[in-house]
Amino acid sequence: MTIQAATPYLILNGRAEQAIAFYQRALGAKVEAMQRFGDVDQSCPTAMKSRVMHAQLRVGDAILMLSDSNEDTPLKGGSVNIALQLDDAEQARQCFDALAAKGTVVQPLIDAPWGGMFGALSDEFGINWMFNSARAKKA
């Protein structure tokens, strides 16, 4: 067996649709697939029918998956960060600022000792993001 990818899967407790629109604006994400609970199971409770059962977003060359989750599913687990590697410092700054607008900055974007730019934040949905980018070119 060879692992081919490790894909972050975000569980958003009824805020998936908001998060999709936000990540489209902030990161240029493209929706590649989306199913709602009602698309798959017409007998599900009315309140669940419009909730996102599964969505797949393309963010650059990467994939993010997300769901509202079944309201009966308890959330457990530790902290997870999504690490974004960008090759353009200005794009990194724009994406960082967009995610940070209603979130909490843990580490502002800085010129990191390893030669890149680094920053970390938690967005308005409680998702933790880490940014690593090439440094801006000096004029």
C-alpha atoms as a PDB file:
ATOM      1  CA  MET A   1       0.000   0.000   0.000  1.00  0.00           C
ATOM      2  CA  THR A   2       1.206   3.481  -0.874  1.00  0.00           C
ATOM      3  CA  ILE A   3      -0.398   6.562   0.603  1.00  0.00           C
ATOM      4  CA  GLN A   4      -1.240   8.822  -2.327  1.00  0.00           C
ATOM      5  CA  ALA A   5      -2.530  11.874  -0.461  1.00  0.00           C
ATOM      6  CA  ALA A   6      -3.487  13.199   2.946  1.00  0.00           C
ATOM      7  CA  THR A   7      -6.490  15.474   2.558  1.00  0.00           C
ATOM      8  CA  PRO A   8      -7.811  17.766   5.302  1.00  0.00           C
ATOM      9  CA  TYR A   9     -11.496  17.086   6.023  1.00  0.00           C
ATOM     10  CA  LEU A  10     -13.233  19.926   7.857  1.00  0.00           C
ATOM     11  CA  ILE A  11     -16.313  19.232  10.006  1.00  0.00           C
ATOM     12  CA  LEU A  12     -18.243  22.484  10.341  1.00  0.00           C
ATOM     13  CA  ASN A  13     -21.454  21.790  12.306  1.00  0.00           C
ATOM     14  CA  GLY A  14     -23.955  23.523  10.021  1.00  0.00           C
ATOM     15  CA  ARG A  15     -21.614  26.232   8.704  1.00  0.00           C
ATOM     16  CA  ALA A  16     -20.235  24.386   5.661  1.00  0.00           C
ATOM     17  CA  GLU A  17     -22.086  26.488   3.099  1.00  0.00           C
ATOM     18  CA  GLN A  18     -20.785  29.688   4.722  1.00  0.00           C
ATOM     19  CA  ALA A  19     -17.262  28.257   4.810  1.00  0.00           C
ATOM     20  CA  ILE A  20     -17.399  27.266   1.125  1.00  0.00           C
ATOM     21  CA  ALA A  21     -18.369  30.803   0.089  1.00  0.00           C
ATOM     22  CA  PHE A  22     -15.697  32.246   2.386  1.00  0.00           C
ATOM     23  CA  TYR A  23     -12.914  29.989   1.054  1.00  0.00           C
ATOM     24  CA  GLN A  24     -13.985  30.789  -2.507  1.00  0.00           C
ATOM     25  CA  ARG A  25     -13.477  34.495  -1.789  1.00  0.00           C
ATOM     26  CA  ALA A  26     -10.433  34.233   0.479  1.00  0.00           C
ATOM     27  CA  LEU A  27      -8.476  31.459  -1.260  1.00  0.00           C
ATOM     28  CA  GLY A  28      -9.952  31.267  -4.758  1.00  0.00           C
ATOM     29  CA  ALA A  29     -11.340  27.795  -3.946  1.00  0.00           C
ATOM     30  CA  LYS A  30     -13.395  26.013  -6.619  1.00  0.00           C
ATOM     31  CA  VAL A  31     -16.192  23.594  -5.707  1.00  0.00           C
ATOM     32  CA  GLU A  32     -15.499  20.306  -7.480  1.00  0.00           C
ATOM     33  CA  ALA A  33     -18.257  18.259  -5.833  1.00  0.00           C
ATOM     34  CA  MET A  34     -21.029  18.763  -3.314  1.00  0.00           C
ATOM     35  CA  GLN A  35     -23.839  16.591  -1.970  1.00  0.00           C
ATOM     36  CA  ARG A  36     -26.409  17.486   0.622  1.00  0.00           C
ATOM     37  CA  PHE A  37     -27.903  15.001   3.068  1.00  0.00           C
ATOM     38  CA  GLY A  38     -31.268  15.337   1.293  1.00  0.00           C
ATOM     39  CA  ASP A  39     -29.667  14.410  -2.053  1.00  0.00           C
ATOM     40  CA  VAL A  40     -28.702  11.026  -0.651  1.00  0.00           C
ATOM     41  CA  ASP A  41     -31.439  10.250   1.865  1.00  0.00           C
ATOM     42  CA  GLN A  42     -34.889  11.742   1.317  1.00  0.00           C
ATOM     43  CA  SER A  43     -36.006  10.244   4.635  1.00  0.00           C
ATOM     44  CA  CYS A  44     -33.511  12.277   6.669  1.00  0.00           C
ATOM     45  CA  PRO A  45     -34.947  14.915   9.018  1.00  0.00           C
ATOM     46  CA  THR A  46     -36.103  18.073   7.232  1.00  0.00           C
ATOM     47  CA  ALA A  47     -33.535  20.177   9.110  1.00  0.00           C
ATOM     48  CA  MET A  48     -30.734  17.982   7.690  1.00  0.00           C
ATOM     49  CA  LYS A  49     -31.841  17.935   4.025  1.00  0.00           C
ATOM     50  CA  SER A  50     -30.059  21.141   3.026  1.00  0.00           C
ATOM     51  CA  ARG A  51     -26.933  20.546   5.121  1.00  0.00           C
ATOM     52  CA  VAL A  52     -23.734  19.676   3.267  1.00  0.00           C
ATOM     53  CA  MET A  53     -22.995  15.969   3.577  1.00  0.00           C
ATOM     54  CA  HIS A  54     -19.759  16.210   1.569  1.00  0.00           C
ATOM     55  CA  ALA A  55     -17.993  18.868  -0.475  1.00  0.00           C
ATOM     56  CA  GLN A  56     -14.672  18.851  -2.249  1.00  0.00           C
ATOM     57  CA  LEU A  57     -12.881  22.125  -2.933  1.00  0.00           C
ATOM     58  CA  ARG A  58      -9.811  22.691  -5.060  1.00  0.00           C
ATOM     59  CA  VAL A  59      -7.454  25.303  -3.642  1.00  0.00           C
ATOM     60  CA  GLY A  60      -4.634  25.738  -6.155  1.00  0.00           C
ATOM     61  CA  ASP A  61      -3.189  22.234  -6.572  1.00  0.00           C
ATOM     62  CA  ALA A  62      -4.599  21.067  -3.223  1.00  0.00           C
ATOM     63  CA  ILE A  63      -7.905  19.515  -2.164  1.00  0.00           C
ATOM     64  CA  LEU A  64      -9.968  20.370   0.926  1.00  0.00           C
ATOM     65  CA  MET A  65     -13.008  18.321   1.872  1.00  0.00           C
ATOM     66  CA  LEU A  66     -15.716  19.413   4.267  1.00  0.00           C
ATOM     67  CA  SER A  67     -19.070  18.545   5.748  1.00  0.00           C
ATOM     68  CA  ASP A  68     -21.680  19.906   8.107  1.00  0.00           C
ATOM     69  CA  SER A  69     -21.646  16.431   9.690  1.00  0.00           C
ATOM     70  CA  ASN A  70     -24.640  14.555  10.947  1.00  0.00           C
ATOM     71  CA  GLU A  71     -26.071  16.471  13.902  1.00  0.00           C
ATOM     72  CA  ASP A  72     -25.877  13.259  15.953  1.00  0.00           C
ATOM     73  CA  THR A  73     -22.128  12.919  15.361  1.00  0.00           C
ATOM     74  CA  PRO A  74     -20.158  14.094  18.402  1.00  0.00           C
ATOM     75  CA  LEU A  75     -16.989  16.007  17.599  1.00  0.00           C
ATOM     76  CA  LYS A  76     -13.786  14.771  19.215  1.00  0.00           C
ATOM     77  CA  GLY A  77     -10.134  14.987  18.454  1.00  0.00           C
ATOM     78  CA  GLY A  78      -7.094  17.147  18.737  1.00  0.00           C
ATOM     79  CA  SER A  79      -5.951  20.269  17.025  1.00  0.00           C
ATOM     80  CA  VAL A  80      -5.281  20.122  13.299  1.00  0.00           C
ATOM     81  CA  ASN A  81      -3.673  22.805  11.150  1.00  0.00           C
ATOM     82  CA  ILE A  82      -3.901  23.133   7.386  1.00  0.00           C
ATOM     83  CA  ALA A  83      -0.485  24.162   6.111  1.00  0.00           C
ATOM     84  CA  LEU A  84      -0.505  26.133   2.866  1.00  0.00           C
ATOM     85  CA  GLN A  85       2.680  26.412   0.822  1.00  0.00           C
ATOM     86  CA  LEU A  86       2.533  29.356  -1.592  1.00  0.00           C
ATOM     87  CA  ASP A  87       5.093  30.478  -4.148  1.00  0.00           C
ATOM     88  CA  ASP A  88       3.963  34.110  -4.221  1.00  0.00           C
ATOM     89  CA  ALA A  89       4.407  36.394  -1.187  1.00  0.00           C
ATOM     90  CA  GLU A  90       1.673  38.842  -2.228  1.00  0.00           C
ATOM     91  CA  GLN A  91      -0.859  36.050  -2.738  1.00  0.00           C
ATOM     92  CA  ALA A  92       0.120  34.619   0.654  1.00  0.00           C
ATOM     93  CA  ARG A  93      -0.492  38.012   2.285  1.00  0.00           C
ATOM     94  CA  GLN A  94      -3.875  38.430   0.559  1.00  0.00           C
ATOM     95  CA  CYS A  95      -5.065  34.940   1.563  1.00  0.00           C
ATOM     96  CA  PHE A  96      -3.718  35.356   5.115  1.00  0.00           C
ATOM     97  CA  ASP A  97      -5.461  38.717   5.547  1.00  0.00           C
ATOM     98  CA  ALA A  98      -8.756  37.363   4.143  1.00  0.00           C
ATOM     99  CA  LEU A  99      -8.794  34.391   6.529  1.00  0.00           C
ATOM    100  CA  ALA A 100      -7.681  36.552   9.467  1.00  0.00           C
ATOM    101  CA  ALA A 101     -10.344  39.249   8.944  1.00  0.00           C
ATOM    102  CA  LYS A 102     -12.812  37.663  11.402  1.00  0.00           C
ATOM    103  CA  GLY A 103     -10.396  35.144  12.852  1.00  0.00           C
ATOM    104  CA  THR A 104      -7.540  35.194  15.336  1.00  0.00           C
ATOM    105  CA  VAL A 105      -3.949  35.703  14.258  1.00  0.00           C
ATOM    106  CA  VAL A 106      -1.626  33.374  16.153  1.00  0.00           C
ATOM    107  CA  GLN A 107       1.557  34.473  14.354  1.00  0.00           C
ATOM    108  CA  PRO A 108       1.514  37.443  11.961  1.00  0.00           C
ATOM    109  CA  LEU A 109       3.271  36.865   8.640  1.00  0.00           C
ATOM    110  CA  ILE A 110       6.981  37.359   9.268  1.00  0.00           C
ATOM    111  CA  ASP A 111      10.230  36.841   7.424  1.00  0.00           C
ATOM    112  CA  ALA A 112      11.073  33.442   8.878  1.00  0.00           C
ATOM    113  CA  PRO A 113      14.623  32.319   9.708  1.00  0.00           C
ATOM    114  CA  TRP A 114      14.472  29.562   7.060  1.00  0.00           C
ATOM    115  CA  GLY A 115      14.209  32.142   4.268  1.00  0.00           C
ATOM    116  CA  GLY A 116      10.459  32.201   3.695  1.00  0.00           C
ATOM    117  CA  MET A 117       7.485  34.037   5.119  1.00  0.00           C
ATOM    118  CA  PHE A 118       5.471  32.299   7.839  1.00  0.00           C
ATOM    119  CA  GLY A 119       2.221  33.048   9.645  1.00  0.00           C
ATOM    120  CA  ALA A 120      -0.518  31.193  11.502  1.00  0.00           C
ATOM    121  CA  LEU A 121      -4.152  31.919  12.328  1.00  0.00           C
ATOM    122  CA  SER A 122      -7.497  30.459  13.276  1.00  0.00           C
ATOM    123  CA  ASP A 123     -10.292  31.525  10.919  1.00  0.00           C
ATOM    124  CA  GLU A 124     -13.859  32.497  11.828  1.00  0.00           C
ATOM    125  CA  PHE A 125     -14.880  28.811  11.651  1.00  0.00           C
ATOM    126  CA  GLY A 126     -12.189  27.730  14.133  1.00  0.00           C
ATOM    127  CA  ILE A 127     -10.030  26.142  11.416  1.00  0.00           C
ATOM    128  CA  ASN A 128      -6.282  26.537  12.033  1.00  0.00           C
ATOM    129  CA  TRP A 129      -4.135  27.606   9.087  1.00  0.00           C
ATOM    130  CA  MET A 130      -0.358  27.889   8.692  1.00  0.00           C
ATOM    131  CA  PHE A 131       1.145  29.825   5.790  1.00  0.00           C
ATOM    132  CA  ASN A 132       4.595  29.359   4.352  1.00  0.00           C
ATOM    133  CA  SER A 133       5.655  31.356   1.326  1.00  0.00           C
ATOM    134  CA  ALA A 134       8.615  32.663  -0.569  1.00  0.00           C
ATOM    135  CA  ARG A 135       9.648  36.082   0.721  1.00  0.00           C
ATOM    136  CA  ALA A 136       8.616  39.180  -1.150  1.00  0.00           C
ATOM    137  CA  LYS A 137      11.291  40.302  -3.571  1.00  0.00           C
ATOM    138  CA  LYS A 138      13.116  43.447  -2.474  1.00  0.00           C
ATOM    139  CA  ALA A 139      12.828  46.359  -4.899  1.00  0.00           C
END
